[in-house]
Amino acid sequence: MRSLFTALACLLALFAAPALPASAATGIHVSGTKILEANGQEFIMRGTSHAHTWYATQTKAFADIKSLKANTVRVVLSGGRWTPNTVSDVANVVSLCKQNKLICVLENHDTTGYGEQSGAYTLDQAANYWISVKSALVGQEDYVIVNIGNEPVGNNAVTPGWAAATTAAIQKLRSNGFQHALMVDAPNWGQDWQFGMRDNARAVFDSDPNKNTIFSVHMYGVFDTAAEITAYMDAFRTAGLPLVVGEFGFNHSDGNPDEDTIMAQSVSRGLGYLGWSWSGNGGGVEYLDQVTNFDVTQLTDWGRRLFNGANGIAATSRQASIYGGGSTDTSPPSVPGTPSASAITSSGATLTWAASTDNVGVAGYDVYTSTGTALGSTATNSITLTGLSAATTYQVNVKARDAAGNQSAASPTASFTTLSGGSGGGCTAAGTVQSQWSTGYVLQPVTVTNTSTSTKPSWTVTFTLPAGHTVTGSWNAAVTVSGQTVTAKNLSYNGSLAPNASTSFGVQASRPSGNTAVPSGYTCAN
């Protein structure tokens, strides 16, 4: 995003963890998708960014950020686009991080918007800056991650392109003796909407002789839906590469980020995140201040959400083990109850389920399709899904997670079918597998809802049994079977439904032992 002042919208890059060579690890380093400390303890960044280069006297911010349970601070520095931060100043910043038991992600903001914003530096110039302050960083590999350049390319094409420029900067630092974990920001003002980082990440990672590079994406208006967020995170998980959300906000001029999903999915996947930013924002994004006037007692709505909300810093942050922290909680929550669907539309549905328990505390729940696609996350045992496809059957389950990132086994699967698109009315049907055993199950409730604006005198529900399944009993409906298609009609006492009213029926079925498929394709007609 644009930088803080002179009408530059402030957004900077998060911090993440590094990767090391096959030899003994030097400080913070990468192992697959994870970031580890030198002793092998996993470290998941939770913190915010502090605009030190513009507010060099606001050094109390380090202690204040720590007081809200952050384990990391991303510090804005400049090598000349703004007043340069000298060797002694950088050394003092590192000292402040260590005094307050924070991992220090140091970023060079000079590169912000290169190719689009006047005055922006190249990544090669950023590498030269790090070399100029190297004496303040050598020996600090346990405490410092070097974020080479903030949002180093805007939306315009540049030469060399992002991958080549990033590779050259990494290799320049390595050839000059830097053993630190290096963090690299995405192009497109950090949001990578053209996928320049996503599609070239493996080549860039492999170009690092230390194999200790972390990738940082900034999530603002481009990431305004759960599908976009999970797909991007999935790509790095599939590639086996380390990713952090180096910046994100709860709102932005380019759109409304889905901060709930960003935070929930980061916690669920064990990814680091850094909110933007502590205080002092300008250029029209003052609403991104987490505290007012650098006063820790004046948290803004965004600050309260980031630090104290669901999946927030206070609930999920663990101090680095180099400072005596680390989590020993390895017990996952109990399995959630079977989800039940209601309020089904052509593009959404509400799911509820029996809550899980945990030895420390349940932090939230993640909803998946039976094929593993994430549909959404929530802090409670209910969620309203949006963005679903019309006239589509969804088989879903729920997993609970705790603050340490432990995830439960999946709940039993439930199935529902969205309405066909367009206006009108009619009814919907959604079935839940209430209980099951190796050779059978009970489908209850199958909920029928009148979605029209007038009372309907009757209803007919159809759904499909998996191959080899047979109906062995039913109640509250007249049920017939043709092949694998089940047709259920109302009885005399439950056919009339007022607008938005619901009723239900149940079916018992048998199945071949070990076949765990469930009915699907629910439709309803009046």
Protein backbone atom coordinates (compact mmCIF):
# COMPACT_ATOMS: atom_id res chain seq x y z
CA MET A 1 0.00 0.00 0.00
CA ARG A 2 1.01 3.60 -0.11
CA SER A 3 3.30 4.83 2.61
CA LEU A 4 2.17 6.91 5.52
CA PHE A 5 2.74 10.56 4.80
CA THR A 6 2.44 13.19 2.13
CA ALA A 7 -0.82 11.68 0.99
CA LEU A 8 0.76 8.24 0.71
CA ALA A 9 -1.67 5.67 2.05
CA CYS A 10 0.19 3.78 4.75
CA LEU A 11 0.45 0.09 4.37
CA LEU A 12 3.52 -1.93 5.01
CA ALA A 13 4.70 -5.42 4.96
CA LEU A 14 4.38 -7.90 7.73
CA PHE A 15 7.08 -10.01 9.08
CA ALA A 16 7.61 -13.65 8.84
CA ALA A 17 10.07 -16.36 9.38
CA PRO A 18 13.14 -17.55 7.54
CA ALA A 19 14.62 -20.68 6.11
CA LEU A 20 18.10 -22.07 6.67
CA PRO A 21 20.63 -24.16 4.85
CA ALA A 22 21.05 -27.83 5.57
CA SER A 23 23.67 -26.92 8.17
CA ALA A 24 22.83 -25.82 11.71
CA ALA A 25 20.23 -23.08 11.84
CA THR A 26 21.34 -19.53 12.54
CA GLY A 27 18.60 -17.88 14.57
CA ILE A 28 15.09 -17.68 13.20
CA HIS A 29 14.73 -19.91 10.15
CA VAL A 30 12.31 -21.64 7.81
CA SER A 31 11.38 -25.31 7.78
CA GLY A 32 8.84 -26.07 5.06
CA THR A 33 5.87 -23.81 5.70
CA LYS A 34 6.86 -23.14 9.31
CA ILE A 35 9.04 -20.53 10.95
CA LEU A 36 11.27 -21.86 13.70
CA GLU A 37 13.63 -20.40 16.25
CA ALA A 38 17.21 -21.65 16.47
CA ASN A 39 16.17 -24.28 19.04
CA GLY A 40 13.50 -25.70 16.75
CA GLN A 41 10.55 -24.13 18.58
CA GLU A 42 7.88 -22.97 16.14
CA PHE A 43 7.29 -19.24 16.16
CA ILE A 44 4.06 -17.72 14.85
CA MET A 45 4.13 -13.95 14.52
CA ARG A 46 1.40 -11.92 16.13
CA GLY A 47 1.85 -8.20 16.17
CA THR A 48 1.59 -4.84 14.48
CA SER A 49 3.68 -2.29 12.60
CA HIS A 50 5.22 0.86 14.08
CA ALA A 51 6.11 3.82 11.83
CA HIS A 52 9.43 4.52 13.54
CA THR A 53 11.04 6.39 10.66
CA TRP A 54 8.41 9.15 10.91
CA TYR A 55 7.98 8.98 14.70
CA ALA A 56 11.49 8.30 15.95
CA THR A 57 10.74 9.76 19.40
CA GLN A 58 7.77 7.46 20.03
CA THR A 59 9.93 4.72 21.53
CA LYS A 60 7.39 3.96 24.30
CA ALA A 61 5.37 2.28 21.55
CA PHE A 62 7.52 -0.84 21.87
CA ALA A 63 6.56 -1.41 25.50
CA ASP A 64 2.92 -0.50 24.81
CA ILE A 65 2.67 -2.97 21.92
CA LYS A 66 4.15 -5.68 24.15
CA SER A 67 1.68 -4.85 26.91
CA LEU A 68 -1.15 -5.91 24.58
CA LYS A 69 0.46 -9.38 24.23
CA ALA A 70 2.12 -8.95 20.82
CA ASN A 71 5.19 -11.12 20.23
CA THR A 72 6.45 -9.21 17.18
CA VAL A 73 6.72 -5.63 15.96
CA ARG A 74 7.37 -4.62 12.38
CA VAL A 75 9.42 -1.43 12.33
CA VAL A 76 9.38 1.06 9.46
CA LEU A 77 12.85 2.28 8.46
CA SER A 78 14.20 4.44 5.63
CA GLY A 79 17.53 4.61 3.88
CA GLY A 80 17.00 8.03 2.30
CA ARG A 81 13.55 8.47 0.81
CA TRP A 82 12.74 9.94 4.18
CA THR A 83 15.15 10.88 6.98
CA PRO A 84 17.60 7.95 7.00
CA ASN A 85 17.75 5.66 10.00
CA THR A 86 21.43 5.38 10.93
CA VAL A 87 23.40 2.43 12.28
CA SER A 88 23.05 3.72 15.83
CA ASP A 89 19.31 4.25 15.43
CA VAL A 90 18.82 0.74 14.03
CA ALA A 91 20.88 -0.68 16.88
CA ASN A 92 18.64 1.17 19.35
CA VAL A 93 15.51 -0.21 17.68
CA VAL A 94 16.86 -3.74 18.01
CA SER A 95 17.67 -3.05 21.66
CA LEU A 96 14.12 -1.81 22.29
CA CYS A 97 12.70 -4.97 20.73
CA LYS A 98 14.88 -7.14 22.94
CA GLN A 99 14.13 -5.13 26.09
CA ASN A 100 10.43 -5.69 25.47
CA LYS A 101 10.79 -9.33 24.40
CA LEU A 102 9.57 -8.73 20.88
CA ILE A 103 10.84 -10.28 17.67
CA CYS A 104 11.92 -7.38 15.47
CA VAL A 105 10.89 -7.34 11.80
CA LEU A 106 12.82 -4.48 10.25
CA GLU A 107 11.51 -3.20 6.91
CA ASN A 108 12.82 -0.67 4.43
CA HIS A 109 9.89 1.51 3.35
CA ASP A 110 11.78 3.31 0.57
CA THR A 111 10.67 0.80 -2.08
CA THR A 112 6.93 1.36 -1.58
CA GLY A 113 5.14 1.56 -4.94
CA TYR A 114 8.23 1.47 -7.17
CA GLY A 115 7.28 1.94 -10.81
CA GLU A 116 4.14 3.84 -9.90
CA GLN A 117 5.03 6.26 -7.13
CA SER A 118 7.53 9.04 -7.63
CA GLY A 119 10.60 8.82 -5.43
CA ALA A 120 10.37 5.07 -4.74
CA TYR A 121 13.66 3.18 -4.47
CA THR A 122 14.59 -0.10 -6.14
CA LEU A 123 15.12 -3.35 -4.25
CA ASP A 124 18.80 -3.11 -5.13
CA GLN A 125 18.95 0.24 -3.33
CA ALA A 126 17.15 -1.34 -0.39
CA ALA A 127 19.76 -4.11 -0.25
CA ASN A 128 22.48 -1.44 -0.21
CA TYR A 129 20.80 0.17 2.79
CA TRP A 130 20.82 -3.08 4.74
CA ILE A 131 24.49 -3.53 3.94
CA SER A 132 25.16 0.00 5.23
CA VAL A 133 23.64 -0.85 8.65
CA LYS A 134 24.93 -4.42 8.77
CA SER A 135 27.01 -3.78 11.90
CA ALA A 136 23.78 -3.21 13.89
CA LEU A 137 22.32 -6.51 12.69
CA VAL A 138 25.13 -9.09 12.73
CA GLY A 139 24.70 -11.42 15.69
CA GLN A 140 21.01 -10.54 16.08
CA GLU A 141 19.68 -13.45 13.98
CA ASP A 142 17.73 -14.82 16.98
CA TYR A 143 15.83 -11.55 17.30
CA VAL A 144 15.68 -9.89 13.87
CA ILE A 145 14.01 -10.65 10.52
CA VAL A 146 15.04 -8.43 7.60
CA ASN A 147 12.05 -7.39 5.47
CA ILE A 148 14.03 -6.27 2.41
CA GLY A 149 11.60 -3.75 0.94
CA ASN A 150 8.00 -2.75 1.61
CA GLU A 151 5.56 -3.27 -1.30
CA PRO A 152 8.45 -3.07 -3.76
CA VAL A 153 6.43 -2.81 -6.99
CA GLY A 154 3.17 -0.95 -7.66
CA ASN A 155 0.64 -2.03 -10.26
CA ASN A 156 2.79 -1.05 -13.26
CA ALA A 157 5.22 -3.43 -14.94
CA VAL A 158 8.88 -2.73 -14.14
CA THR A 159 12.24 -3.99 -15.37
CA PRO A 160 13.66 -6.07 -13.84
CA GLY A 161 10.39 -7.62 -12.71
CA TRP A 162 9.52 -8.58 -9.16
CA ALA A 163 11.02 -12.08 -9.26
CA ALA A 164 14.33 -11.04 -10.79
CA ALA A 165 14.70 -7.97 -8.57
CA THR A 166 13.83 -9.91 -5.42
CA THR A 167 16.21 -12.74 -6.30
CA ALA A 168 19.04 -10.28 -6.92
CA ALA A 169 18.42 -8.50 -3.60
CA ILE A 170 18.41 -11.78 -1.66
CA GLN A 171 21.63 -12.93 -3.28
CA LYS A 172 23.30 -9.56 -2.71
CA LEU A 173 22.56 -9.74 1.02
CA ARG A 174 23.72 -13.35 1.26
CA SER A 175 26.96 -12.56 -0.57
CA ASN A 176 27.53 -9.79 1.97
CA GLY A 177 27.25 -12.20 4.89
CA PHE A 178 23.63 -11.79 6.01
CA GLN A 179 22.47 -15.00 7.71
CA HIS A 180 19.14 -13.59 8.87
CA ALA A 181 15.74 -14.78 7.86
CA LEU A 182 14.74 -12.56 4.96
CA MET A 183 11.17 -11.48 4.31
CA VAL A 184 10.04 -10.40 0.84
CA ASP A 185 6.88 -8.46 0.05
CA ALA A 186 4.59 -9.10 -2.90
CA PRO A 187 4.19 -6.71 -5.85
CA ASN A 188 0.93 -4.88 -6.67
CA TRP A 189 1.31 -2.73 -3.54
CA GLY A 190 1.82 -5.95 -1.58
CA GLN A 191 -1.52 -7.51 -2.57
CA ASP A 192 -0.24 -9.70 -5.43
CA TRP A 193 -3.50 -9.52 -7.36
CA GLN A 194 -1.59 -10.44 -10.54
CA PHE A 195 0.03 -13.39 -8.68
CA GLY A 196 3.59 -12.36 -9.49
CA MET A 197 4.80 -13.57 -6.09
CA ARG A 198 2.52 -16.59 -5.81
CA ASP A 199 3.56 -18.00 -9.17
CA ASN A 200 7.29 -17.26 -8.80
CA ALA A 201 7.72 -17.97 -5.09
CA ARG A 202 9.35 -21.37 -5.54
CA ALA A 203 12.00 -20.05 -7.94
CA VAL A 204 12.75 -17.11 -5.64
CA PHE A 205 12.98 -19.35 -2.58
CA ASP A 206 15.32 -21.76 -4.35
CA SER A 207 17.55 -18.86 -5.41
CA ASP A 208 18.35 -18.14 -1.75
CA PRO A 209 21.52 -20.09 -0.93
CA ASN A 210 20.36 -20.27 2.70
CA LYS A 211 16.82 -21.37 1.76
CA ASN A 212 15.64 -18.93 4.43
CA THR A 213 13.15 -16.60 2.73
CA ILE A 214 9.65 -15.82 3.98
CA PHE A 215 6.90 -14.49 1.71
CA SER A 216 4.69 -11.63 2.87
CA VAL A 217 1.33 -10.71 1.34
CA HIS A 218 -0.63 -7.59 2.32
CA MET A 219 -4.37 -8.17 2.56
CA TYR A 220 -6.58 -5.17 1.96
CA GLY A 221 -9.40 -4.63 -0.53
CA VAL A 222 -8.25 -7.40 -2.87
CA PHE A 223 -8.95 -9.88 -0.09
CA ASP A 224 -12.56 -9.07 0.69
CA THR A 225 -13.99 -12.62 0.56
CA ALA A 226 -13.17 -15.84 2.37
CA ALA A 227 -12.68 -17.64 -0.95
CA GLU A 228 -9.92 -15.25 -2.07
CA ILE A 229 -8.14 -15.46 1.28
CA THR A 230 -8.22 -19.23 1.58
CA ALA A 231 -7.25 -19.79 -2.06
CA TYR A 232 -4.16 -17.61 -1.67
CA MET A 233 -3.12 -19.31 1.56
CA ASP A 234 -3.80 -22.72 0.02
CA ALA A 235 -1.39 -21.98 -2.83
CA PHE A 236 1.54 -21.51 -0.45
CA ARG A 237 0.57 -24.50 1.67
CA THR A 238 0.47 -26.66 -1.47
CA ALA A 239 3.85 -25.30 -2.56
CA GLY A 240 5.31 -25.99 0.90
CA LEU A 241 6.50 -22.41 1.29
CA PRO A 242 6.34 -20.06 4.31
CA LEU A 243 3.76 -17.27 4.11
CA VAL A 244 2.79 -14.48 6.50
CA VAL A 245 0.14 -11.78 6.27
CA GLY A 246 2.59 -8.92 6.56
CA GLU A 247 -0.09 -6.24 6.65
CA PHE A 248 -3.85 -6.12 6.81
CA GLY A 249 -6.62 -3.86 8.06
CA PHE A 250 -10.32 -3.91 8.85
CA ASN A 251 -11.14 -1.38 6.14
CA HIS A 252 -9.43 0.37 3.28
CA SER A 253 -9.98 2.81 0.46
CA ASP A 254 -9.65 0.01 -2.11
CA GLY A 255 -12.29 -2.20 -0.49
CA ASN A 256 -13.37 -3.86 2.73
CA PRO A 257 -10.95 -6.62 3.78
CA ASP A 258 -12.44 -9.71 5.43
CA GLU A 259 -10.36 -9.39 8.60
CA ASP A 260 -12.35 -12.09 10.39
CA THR A 261 -11.34 -14.72 7.84
CA ILE A 262 -7.78 -13.39 7.59
CA MET A 263 -7.31 -13.81 11.33
CA ALA A 264 -9.22 -17.07 11.69
CA GLN A 265 -7.46 -18.76 8.79
CA SER A 266 -4.07 -17.52 9.98
CA VAL A 267 -4.72 -19.05 13.40
CA SER A 268 -6.09 -22.27 11.93
CA ARG A 269 -3.11 -22.70 9.61
CA GLY A 270 -0.40 -21.50 12.00
CA LEU A 271 0.46 -18.44 9.88
CA GLY A 272 1.81 -15.19 11.27
CA TYR A 273 -0.07 -11.92 10.88
CA LEU A 274 0.78 -8.26 11.51
CA GLY A 275 -1.87 -5.57 11.54
CA TRP A 276 -1.27 -2.11 10.13
CA SER A 277 -0.54 0.01 12.14
CA TRP A 278 0.01 1.25 15.69
CA SER A 279 -0.59 5.01 15.30
CA GLY A 280 0.19 8.08 13.23
CA ASN A 281 -1.46 7.15 9.94
CA GLY A 282 -2.14 9.91 7.43
CA GLY A 283 -3.05 10.33 3.78
CA GLY A 284 -6.72 9.46 4.33
CA VAL A 285 -6.22 6.16 6.16
CA GLU A 286 -6.19 7.53 9.69
CA TYR A 287 -8.87 4.97 10.54
CA LEU A 288 -6.13 2.31 10.48
CA ASP A 289 -4.65 3.68 13.73
CA GLN A 290 -4.92 1.03 16.43
CA VAL A 291 -4.47 3.58 19.21
CA THR A 292 -5.15 7.31 19.18
CA ASN A 293 -2.12 9.64 19.44
CA PHE A 294 0.18 6.77 20.45
CA ASP A 295 -1.80 6.37 23.70
CA VAL A 296 -2.16 2.70 24.63
CA THR A 297 -5.17 3.55 26.82
CA GLN A 298 -7.07 4.82 23.76
CA LEU A 299 -7.62 1.75 21.63
CA THR A 300 -9.64 2.36 18.49
CA ASP A 301 -12.25 -0.05 17.16
CA TRP A 302 -9.60 -1.52 14.88
CA GLY A 303 -7.18 -1.82 17.79
CA ARG A 304 -9.76 -3.60 19.94
CA ARG A 305 -10.54 -5.99 17.09
CA LEU A 306 -6.91 -6.82 16.38
CA PHE A 307 -5.65 -7.18 19.92
CA ASN A 308 -8.67 -8.34 21.91
CA GLY A 309 -11.13 -9.79 19.40
CA ALA A 310 -11.74 -13.35 18.21
CA ASN A 311 -8.49 -14.92 16.93
CA GLY A 312 -6.78 -11.73 18.02
CA ILE A 313 -3.30 -11.13 19.36
CA ALA A 314 -4.13 -11.46 23.07
CA ALA A 315 -5.80 -14.84 22.56
CA THR A 316 -3.31 -16.40 20.13
CA SER A 317 0.12 -14.82 20.67
CA ARG A 318 2.95 -16.85 22.25
CA GLN A 319 6.18 -15.17 23.30
CA ALA A 320 9.31 -16.33 21.49
CA SER A 321 11.21 -19.05 23.32
CA ILE A 322 14.40 -16.96 23.13
CA TYR A 323 12.64 -14.80 25.73
CA GLY A 324 11.40 -17.79 27.74
CA GLY A 325 8.05 -18.21 25.98
CA GLY A 326 6.52 -20.88 23.78
CA SER A 327 3.42 -23.03 23.93
CA THR A 328 3.23 -26.53 25.38
CA ASP A 329 -0.46 -27.05 24.60
CA THR A 330 -0.71 -29.99 22.20
CA SER A 331 -4.25 -31.15 23.04
CA PRO A 332 -6.87 -30.48 20.34
CA PRO A 333 -10.47 -29.52 21.15
CA SER A 334 -13.20 -32.13 21.17
CA VAL A 335 -15.10 -32.88 17.95
CA PRO A 336 -17.92 -30.38 17.25
CA GLY A 337 -21.49 -31.58 16.83
CA THR A 338 -23.08 -32.28 13.46
CA PRO A 339 -23.89 -28.97 11.71
CA SER A 340 -27.54 -28.17 11.00
CA ALA A 341 -28.48 -25.92 8.06
CA SER A 342 -31.21 -23.27 8.07
CA ALA A 343 -32.11 -20.01 6.31
CA ILE A 344 -30.95 -21.48 3.00
CA THR A 345 -30.91 -19.14 -0.01
CA SER A 346 -29.50 -19.38 -3.52
CA SER A 347 -26.15 -18.09 -2.27
CA GLY A 348 -25.94 -18.86 1.43
CA ALA A 349 -27.05 -20.77 4.52
CA THR A 350 -26.76 -20.60 8.28
CA LEU A 351 -25.07 -23.52 10.06
CA THR A 352 -25.19 -24.28 13.78
CA TRP A 353 -23.63 -27.13 15.77
CA ALA A 354 -22.96 -28.29 19.31
CA ALA A 355 -19.89 -26.51 20.71
CA SER A 356 -16.54 -28.19 21.37
CA THR A 357 -14.56 -28.17 24.62
CA ASP A 358 -10.82 -27.73 25.15
CA ASN A 359 -8.35 -28.03 28.03
CA VAL A 360 -7.44 -24.34 27.61
CA GLY A 361 -10.20 -22.85 25.49
CA VAL A 362 -11.76 -23.06 22.04
CA ALA A 363 -10.61 -20.14 19.86
CA GLY A 364 -12.95 -20.76 16.93
CA TYR A 365 -14.30 -23.08 14.25
CA ASP A 366 -13.59 -23.66 10.56
CA VAL A 367 -16.19 -24.95 8.11
CA TYR A 368 -15.13 -27.16 5.20
CA THR A 369 -16.72 -29.05 2.34
CA SER A 370 -16.26 -32.82 2.33
CA THR A 371 -13.45 -32.32 -0.20
CA GLY A 372 -11.55 -29.98 2.13
CA THR A 373 -12.43 -26.57 0.68
CA ALA A 374 -12.71 -23.93 3.42
CA LEU A 375 -16.07 -22.13 3.43
CA GLY A 376 -15.61 -19.84 6.43
CA SER A 377 -14.50 -19.40 10.04
CA THR A 378 -16.23 -18.17 13.16
CA ALA A 379 -15.54 -17.67 16.86
CA THR A 380 -18.91 -19.19 17.85
CA ASN A 381 -20.80 -22.40 17.08
CA SER A 382 -22.79 -20.75 14.29
CA ILE A 383 -21.94 -19.22 10.94
CA THR A 384 -23.80 -17.64 8.04
CA LEU A 385 -22.17 -18.74 4.81
CA THR A 386 -22.29 -16.45 1.78
CA GLY A 387 -21.05 -16.64 -1.79
CA LEU A 388 -22.32 -20.17 -2.41
CA SER A 389 -23.40 -21.41 -5.83
CA ALA A 390 -27.11 -21.63 -6.61
CA ALA A 391 -28.85 -25.01 -6.93
CA THR A 392 -25.79 -26.80 -5.54
CA THR A 393 -25.54 -29.53 -2.92
CA TYR A 394 -22.96 -28.90 -0.21
CA GLN A 395 -21.64 -31.59 2.13
CA VAL A 396 -20.00 -29.81 5.04
CA ASN A 397 -18.21 -30.48 8.30
CA VAL A 398 -16.75 -28.37 11.09
CA LYS A 399 -13.40 -28.44 12.91
CA ALA A 400 -12.68 -26.64 16.19
CA ARG A 401 -9.31 -25.07 17.04
CA ASP A 402 -7.65 -23.65 20.12
CA ALA A 403 -5.31 -20.68 20.57
CA ALA A 404 -2.24 -22.89 20.14
CA GLY A 405 -3.42 -23.85 16.66
CA ASN A 406 -4.46 -27.40 17.56
CA GLN A 407 -7.41 -28.51 15.41
CA SER A 408 -10.03 -31.11 16.24
CA ALA A 409 -11.14 -33.98 14.04
CA ALA A 410 -13.96 -33.16 11.65
CA SER A 411 -17.56 -33.25 12.82
CA PRO A 412 -20.02 -35.62 11.15
CA THR A 413 -20.98 -34.41 7.68
CA ALA A 414 -24.23 -32.57 6.93
CA SER A 415 -25.73 -31.89 3.51
CA PHE A 416 -27.88 -29.07 2.16
CA THR A 417 -28.80 -27.72 -1.27
CA THR A 418 -28.94 -24.04 -2.14
CA LEU A 419 -31.96 -22.62 -3.94
CA SER A 420 -31.99 -22.00 -7.65
CA GLY A 421 -31.19 -18.42 -8.57
CA GLY A 422 -33.71 -15.68 -9.24
CA SER A 423 -36.70 -14.33 -7.40
CA GLY A 424 -39.90 -16.08 -6.48
CA GLY A 425 -40.43 -18.37 -3.56
CA GLY A 426 -41.10 -21.98 -2.80
CA CYS A 427 -39.36 -23.99 -0.16
CA THR A 428 -36.00 -25.37 0.78
CA ALA A 429 -34.85 -28.64 2.31
CA ALA A 430 -31.67 -29.50 4.17
CA GLY A 431 -30.73 -32.77 5.83
CA THR A 432 -28.44 -33.55 8.75
CA VAL A 433 -26.95 -36.91 9.67
CA GLN A 434 -27.78 -37.03 13.37
CA SER A 435 -26.19 -40.36 14.25
CA GLN A 436 -24.46 -43.11 12.33
CA TRP A 437 -22.82 -46.49 12.70
CA SER A 438 -20.86 -48.76 10.39
CA THR A 439 -23.91 -50.11 8.52
CA GLY A 440 -26.45 -47.32 8.84
CA TYR A 441 -27.45 -43.85 9.97
CA VAL A 442 -30.35 -41.61 10.96
CA LEU A 443 -31.05 -38.61 8.75
CA GLN A 444 -32.70 -36.12 11.11
CA PRO A 445 -33.81 -33.46 10.90
CA VAL A 446 -34.54 -32.97 7.25
CA THR A 447 -35.76 -29.40 7.60
CA VAL A 448 -38.37 -28.00 5.21
CA THR A 449 -38.73 -24.19 5.12
CA ASN A 450 -41.29 -22.08 3.26
CA THR A 451 -39.24 -19.36 1.57
CA SER A 452 -42.16 -17.71 -0.21
CA THR A 453 -44.29 -14.79 0.94
CA SER A 454 -47.51 -16.78 1.21
CA THR A 455 -48.70 -19.83 3.16
CA LYS A 456 -48.18 -23.11 1.30
CA PRO A 457 -50.56 -26.07 1.84
CA SER A 458 -48.10 -28.86 1.07
CA TRP A 459 -44.54 -29.78 0.25
CA THR A 460 -42.56 -32.48 -1.52
CA VAL A 461 -38.87 -33.12 -0.86
CA THR A 462 -36.55 -35.27 -2.97
CA PHE A 463 -32.96 -36.31 -2.38
CA THR A 464 -30.52 -38.94 -3.57
CA LEU A 465 -29.21 -41.91 -1.59
CA PRO A 466 -25.61 -42.97 -2.24
CA ALA A 467 -25.18 -46.23 -4.16
CA GLY A 468 -25.93 -49.26 -2.00
CA HIS A 469 -27.93 -47.31 0.60
CA THR A 470 -31.56 -48.25 1.35
CA VAL A 471 -34.30 -46.61 3.43
CA THR A 472 -35.33 -48.76 6.42
CA GLY A 473 -37.74 -46.36 8.14
CA SER A 474 -39.18 -42.84 8.21
CA TRP A 475 -41.35 -40.51 10.31
CA ASN A 476 -43.30 -37.26 9.87
CA ALA A 477 -43.44 -37.79 6.07
CA ALA A 478 -44.80 -40.23 3.49
CA VAL A 479 -41.63 -41.64 1.94
CA THR A 480 -41.24 -43.58 -1.31
CA VAL A 481 -38.08 -44.73 -3.08
CA SER A 482 -37.35 -45.18 -6.78
CA GLY A 483 -33.86 -46.41 -7.46
CA GLN A 484 -31.72 -44.13 -5.31
CA THR A 485 -34.17 -41.19 -5.39
CA VAL A 486 -36.15 -40.64 -2.19
CA THR A 487 -39.42 -38.68 -2.34
CA ALA A 488 -40.93 -37.42 0.92
CA LYS A 489 -44.38 -35.78 1.07
CA ASN A 490 -46.00 -34.04 3.99
CA LEU A 491 -48.56 -35.73 6.21
CA SER A 492 -51.94 -34.21 7.07
CA TYR A 493 -50.67 -32.39 10.13
CA ASN A 494 -47.42 -30.79 8.82
CA GLY A 495 -48.15 -29.74 5.25
CA SER A 496 -49.30 -26.16 5.81
CA LEU A 497 -46.39 -23.75 6.30
CA ALA A 498 -46.66 -19.99 6.79
CA PRO A 499 -43.96 -17.76 5.24
CA ASN A 500 -40.54 -18.53 6.82
CA ALA A 501 -42.06 -21.37 8.86
CA SER A 502 -40.33 -24.76 9.03
CA THR A 503 -41.12 -28.37 9.78
CA SER A 504 -39.01 -31.52 9.67
CA PHE A 505 -39.04 -35.25 9.11
CA GLY A 506 -36.62 -38.12 9.55
CA VAL A 507 -35.31 -41.14 7.67
CA GLN A 508 -33.33 -44.19 8.78
CA ALA A 509 -31.11 -45.90 6.21
CA SER A 510 -28.74 -48.83 5.91
CA ARG A 511 -25.49 -48.88 3.93
CA PRO A 512 -22.57 -51.20 3.15
CA SER A 513 -20.15 -51.42 6.05
CA GLY A 514 -17.48 -48.71 5.84
CA ASN A 515 -19.35 -46.61 3.26
CA THR A 516 -19.46 -43.15 4.84
CA ALA A 517 -21.20 -41.27 2.02
CA VAL A 518 -24.34 -39.32 2.93
CA PRO A 519 -27.48 -38.33 0.98
CA SER A 520 -27.30 -35.29 -1.26
CA GLY A 521 -29.21 -33.26 -3.84
CA TYR A 522 -32.07 -32.02 -1.65
CA THR A 523 -34.86 -30.24 -3.54
CA CYS A 524 -38.22 -28.97 -2.36
CA ALA A 525 -41.44 -28.04 -4.17
CA ASN A 526 -44.84 -26.82 -2.98
